[in-house]
Amino acid sequence: MTDPIADYLTRIRNAQQAGHRIVEIPTSGIKRKITEILYDQGYIFRYKFMEGDGPQGVIKIALKYDMETKEPVIRKLGRLSKPGLRKYAKADNLPRIINGLGIAIISTSHGLMTSKQAATENLGGELICYVY
């Protein structure tokens, strides 16, 4: 696998389209931090890091759906920077997703954070993905 972050996003997207409540994803440090950001921003219901028998553990993510319409809370998610084409942005040029209603996840020198947090701390970095 050449792009584990794209695989992470695709597993979430596929699980939502199939109507699953829980999705299991192989873990890594960056996937853990993205999961924590999604939870803090209210896009997922719950998560649990489980250590497995193999060299890496598993992240169990409970997906969040709207109570009335049964639609997933995450409408769209996608990769911004890819292994073949890295995208970077300065602190004054960070993207706004859906005019501020969505989030962009940025890899900065202070770790992964949303574009809003990076703008308040005046940090730029690599554009990882967007969620709304």
C-alpha atoms as a PDB file:
ATOM      1  CA  MET A   1       0.000   0.000   0.000  1.00  0.00           C
ATOM      2  CA  THR A   2       1.517   3.300  -1.047  1.00  0.00           C
ATOM      3  CA  ASP A   3      -0.887   5.699   0.682  1.00  0.00           C
ATOM      4  CA  PRO A   4      -2.165   4.534   4.087  1.00  0.00           C
ATOM      5  CA  ILE A   5      -4.077   7.774   4.722  1.00  0.00           C
ATOM      6  CA  ALA A   6      -6.072   7.376   1.503  1.00  0.00           C
ATOM      7  CA  ASP A   7      -6.798   3.785   2.566  1.00  0.00           C
ATOM      8  CA  TYR A   8      -8.015   5.065   5.954  1.00  0.00           C
ATOM      9  CA  LEU A   9     -10.374   7.570   4.319  1.00  0.00           C
ATOM     10  CA  THR A  10     -11.611   5.002   1.806  1.00  0.00           C
ATOM     11  CA  ARG A  11     -12.432   2.483   4.538  1.00  0.00           C
ATOM     12  CA  ILE A  12     -14.529   5.089   6.348  1.00  0.00           C
ATOM     13  CA  ARG A  13     -16.239   6.153   3.107  1.00  0.00           C
ATOM     14  CA  ASN A  14     -17.023   2.546   2.119  1.00  0.00           C
ATOM     15  CA  ALA A  15     -18.338   1.651   5.577  1.00  0.00           C
ATOM     16  CA  GLN A  16     -20.700   4.620   5.506  1.00  0.00           C
ATOM     17  CA  GLN A  17     -21.989   3.769   2.042  1.00  0.00           C
ATOM     18  CA  ALA A  18     -22.659   0.206   3.201  1.00  0.00           C
ATOM     19  CA  GLY A  19     -24.419   1.486   6.335  1.00  0.00           C
ATOM     20  CA  HIS A  20     -22.009  -0.093   8.824  1.00  0.00           C
ATOM     21  CA  ARG A  21     -21.907   1.179  12.394  1.00  0.00           C
ATOM     22  CA  ILE A  22     -18.286   0.168  13.102  1.00  0.00           C
ATOM     23  CA  VAL A  23     -15.213   0.108  10.873  1.00  0.00           C
ATOM     24  CA  GLU A  24     -11.843  -1.472  11.707  1.00  0.00           C
ATOM     25  CA  ILE A  25      -8.676   0.113  10.333  1.00  0.00           C
ATOM     26  CA  PRO A  26      -5.007  -0.900  10.814  1.00  0.00           C
ATOM     27  CA  THR A  27      -3.388   1.679  13.055  1.00  0.00           C
ATOM     28  CA  SER A  28      -0.428   4.013  12.761  1.00  0.00           C
ATOM     29  CA  GLY A  29       0.539   7.205  14.547  1.00  0.00           C
ATOM     30  CA  ILE A  30      -0.918   9.564  11.954  1.00  0.00           C
ATOM     31  CA  LYS A  31      -4.159   7.552  11.702  1.00  0.00           C
ATOM     32  CA  ARG A  32      -4.532   7.736  15.494  1.00  0.00           C
ATOM     33  CA  LYS A  33      -4.188  11.520  15.436  1.00  0.00           C
ATOM     34  CA  ILE A  34      -6.634  11.904  12.520  1.00  0.00           C
ATOM     35  CA  THR A  35      -9.133   9.735  14.431  1.00  0.00           C
ATOM     36  CA  GLU A  36      -8.762  11.921  17.534  1.00  0.00           C
ATOM     37  CA  ILE A  37      -9.335  15.067  15.456  1.00  0.00           C
ATOM     38  CA  LEU A  38     -12.457  13.566  13.830  1.00  0.00           C
ATOM     39  CA  TYR A  39     -13.794  12.680  17.290  1.00  0.00           C
ATOM     40  CA  ASP A  40     -13.023  16.120  18.749  1.00  0.00           C
ATOM     41  CA  GLN A  41     -14.770  17.820  15.821  1.00  0.00           C
ATOM     42  CA  GLY A  42     -17.859  15.595  16.187  1.00  0.00           C
ATOM     43  CA  TYR A  43     -17.604  13.593  12.968  1.00  0.00           C
ATOM     44  CA  ILE A  44     -17.400  10.148  14.597  1.00  0.00           C
ATOM     45  CA  PHE A  45     -19.315   8.736  17.560  1.00  0.00           C
ATOM     46  CA  ARG A  46     -16.569   6.837  19.365  1.00  0.00           C
ATOM     47  CA  TYR A  47     -13.206   5.166  18.765  1.00  0.00           C
ATOM     48  CA  LYS A  48     -10.985   2.603  20.440  1.00  0.00           C
ATOM     49  CA  PHE A  49      -7.336   1.734  19.859  1.00  0.00           C
ATOM     50  CA  MET A  50      -6.820  -2.021  20.176  1.00  0.00           C
ATOM     51  CA  GLU A  51      -3.429  -3.687  20.265  1.00  0.00           C
ATOM     52  CA  GLY A  52      -3.391  -6.744  18.018  1.00  0.00           C
ATOM     53  CA  ASP A  53      -1.402  -9.943  17.798  1.00  0.00           C
ATOM     54  CA  GLY A  54       0.600  -8.651  14.828  1.00  0.00           C
ATOM     55  CA  PRO A  55       3.047  -5.769  14.565  1.00  0.00           C
ATOM     56  CA  GLN A  56       0.279  -3.151  14.523  1.00  0.00           C
ATOM     57  CA  GLY A  57      -3.034  -2.756  16.248  1.00  0.00           C
ATOM     58  CA  VAL A  58      -6.489  -1.841  15.008  1.00  0.00           C
ATOM     59  CA  ILE A  59      -8.575   1.297  15.335  1.00  0.00           C
ATOM     60  CA  LYS A  60     -12.276   0.562  15.855  1.00  0.00           C
ATOM     61  CA  ILE A  61     -14.348   3.571  14.841  1.00  0.00           C
ATOM     62  CA  ALA A  62     -18.074   3.867  15.601  1.00  0.00           C
ATOM     63  CA  LEU A  63     -19.501   5.975  12.795  1.00  0.00           C
ATOM     64  CA  LYS A  64     -22.023   8.711  13.495  1.00  0.00           C
ATOM     65  CA  TYR A  65     -25.367   8.937  11.684  1.00  0.00           C
ATOM     66  CA  ASP A  66     -28.188  11.496  11.833  1.00  0.00           C
ATOM     67  CA  MET A  67     -31.009  10.199  14.038  1.00  0.00           C
ATOM     68  CA  GLU A  68     -33.874  11.324  11.792  1.00  0.00           C
ATOM     69  CA  THR A  69     -32.594  10.901   8.246  1.00  0.00           C
ATOM     70  CA  LYS A  70     -30.123   8.045   8.919  1.00  0.00           C
ATOM     71  CA  GLU A  71     -27.597   9.924   6.760  1.00  0.00           C
ATOM     72  CA  PRO A  72     -23.905   9.777   7.750  1.00  0.00           C
ATOM     73  CA  VAL A  73     -22.583  12.848   9.566  1.00  0.00           C
ATOM     74  CA  ILE A  74     -19.529  12.833   7.282  1.00  0.00           C
ATOM     75  CA  ARG A  75     -20.901  13.979   3.937  1.00  0.00           C
ATOM     76  CA  LYS A  76     -17.592  13.961   2.106  1.00  0.00           C
ATOM     77  CA  LEU A  77     -13.952  13.309   2.896  1.00  0.00           C
ATOM     78  CA  GLY A  78     -10.963  13.264   0.632  1.00  0.00           C
ATOM     79  CA  ARG A  79      -7.216  13.445   0.357  1.00  0.00           C
ATOM     80  CA  LEU A  80      -5.591  16.792  -0.472  1.00  0.00           C
ATOM     81  CA  SER A  81      -1.874  15.969  -0.550  1.00  0.00           C
ATOM     82  CA  LYS A  82      -0.918  12.734  -2.266  1.00  0.00           C
ATOM     83  CA  PRO A  83       2.383  10.825  -2.393  1.00  0.00           C
ATOM     84  CA  GLY A  84       2.867  11.872  -6.022  1.00  0.00           C
ATOM     85  CA  LEU A  85       1.914  15.506  -5.465  1.00  0.00           C
ATOM     86  CA  ARG A  86       2.451  17.018  -2.040  1.00  0.00           C
ATOM     87  CA  LYS A  87       0.480  20.188  -1.280  1.00  0.00           C
ATOM     88  CA  TYR A  88       1.637  22.741   1.266  1.00  0.00           C
ATOM     89  CA  ALA A  89       0.114  25.990   2.483  1.00  0.00           C
ATOM     90  CA  LYS A  90       1.397  28.910   4.516  1.00  0.00           C
ATOM     91  CA  ALA A  91      -0.453  30.099   7.606  1.00  0.00           C
ATOM     92  CA  ASP A  92      -2.128  32.969   5.735  1.00  0.00           C
ATOM     93  CA  ASN A  93      -3.228  30.735   2.848  1.00  0.00           C
ATOM     94  CA  LEU A  94      -4.868  27.748   4.606  1.00  0.00           C
ATOM     95  CA  PRO A  95      -7.995  26.345   2.905  1.00  0.00           C
ATOM     96  CA  ARG A  96     -11.512  26.946   4.209  1.00  0.00           C
ATOM     97  CA  ILE A  97     -13.752  23.962   3.589  1.00  0.00           C
ATOM     98  CA  ILE A  98     -17.408  24.813   2.809  1.00  0.00           C
ATOM     99  CA  ASN A  99     -16.787  28.398   3.965  1.00  0.00           C
ATOM    100  CA  GLY A 100     -15.688  27.244   7.419  1.00  0.00           C
ATOM    101  CA  LEU A 101     -18.312  24.513   8.020  1.00  0.00           C
ATOM    102  CA  GLY A 102     -15.895  21.666   7.247  1.00  0.00           C
ATOM    103  CA  ILE A 103     -12.344  21.013   8.399  1.00  0.00           C
ATOM    104  CA  ALA A 104      -9.015  20.543   6.702  1.00  0.00           C
ATOM    105  CA  ILE A 105      -6.400  18.500   8.566  1.00  0.00           C
ATOM    106  CA  ILE A 106      -2.902  19.965   8.360  1.00  0.00           C
ATOM    107  CA  SER A 107       0.433  18.391   9.287  1.00  0.00           C
ATOM    108  CA  THR A 108       2.465  21.155  10.943  1.00  0.00           C
ATOM    109  CA  SER A 109       5.730  21.279  12.828  1.00  0.00           C
ATOM    110  CA  HIS A 110       3.630  21.055  16.025  1.00  0.00           C
ATOM    111  CA  GLY A 111       1.754  17.929  14.901  1.00  0.00           C
ATOM    112  CA  LEU A 112      -1.557  17.307  13.148  1.00  0.00           C
ATOM    113  CA  MET A 113      -4.316  19.875  13.655  1.00  0.00           C
ATOM    114  CA  THR A 114      -7.257  21.462  11.896  1.00  0.00           C
ATOM    115  CA  SER A 115      -6.709  24.422   9.613  1.00  0.00           C
ATOM    116  CA  LYS A 116      -8.526  26.671  12.111  1.00  0.00           C
ATOM    117  CA  GLN A 117      -6.112  25.696  14.892  1.00  0.00           C
ATOM    118  CA  ALA A 118      -3.128  26.146  12.562  1.00  0.00           C
ATOM    119  CA  ALA A 119      -4.355  29.614  11.567  1.00  0.00           C
ATOM    120  CA  THR A 120      -4.708  30.710  15.200  1.00  0.00           C
ATOM    121  CA  GLU A 121      -1.197  29.440  15.974  1.00  0.00           C
ATOM    122  CA  ASN A 122       0.143  31.003  12.740  1.00  0.00           C
ATOM    123  CA  LEU A 123       1.437  27.663  11.379  1.00  0.00           C
ATOM    124  CA  GLY A 124       1.503  26.312   7.862  1.00  0.00           C
ATOM    125  CA  GLY A 125       2.204  22.787   6.667  1.00  0.00           C
ATOM    126  CA  GLU A 126       1.172  19.901   4.471  1.00  0.00           C
ATOM    127  CA  LEU A 127      -2.525  19.639   3.627  1.00  0.00           C
ATOM    128  CA  ILE A 128      -3.503  16.065   4.583  1.00  0.00           C
ATOM    129  CA  CYS A 129      -7.266  15.771   3.998  1.00  0.00           C
ATOM    130  CA  TYR A 130     -10.632  17.541   4.251  1.00  0.00           C
ATOM    131  CA  VAL A 131     -13.884  16.495   5.932  1.00  0.00           C
ATOM    132  CA  TYR A 132     -17.383  17.949   5.865  1.00  0.00           C
END
